[in-house]
């Protein structure tokens, strides 16, 4: 059995519509992982781009593809940094509260 199954068409035409984002994109189903993946022709080091984090091909796939494009890298890094700062702040508040509970 082949590891990958090429998706040429689907109910919502995601396989066709993803090419509007980048003409080199194509979708495969990875049978070993039971996940959809986006690949691209002409990419250094292989065709793999990312795994689609949904069980079905739908509008979310297109939105995720647009968000994860390399052109959006700076925005993604900014969002990750902001989320990490918030998490660090929340952890500090939680630790401070626990210390106050122990000391009081």
Foldseek 3Di string as FASTA:
>chain_A
DDQKDWDCADDARLQVVLCVVPVQWTWIQGPVVRWIFIFGPPDPPGTGDGTQPDNDDDPVSSVVSVCPDPVNVVVVVVVVVVVVVVVVVVVVVVVVVVVVVVVD
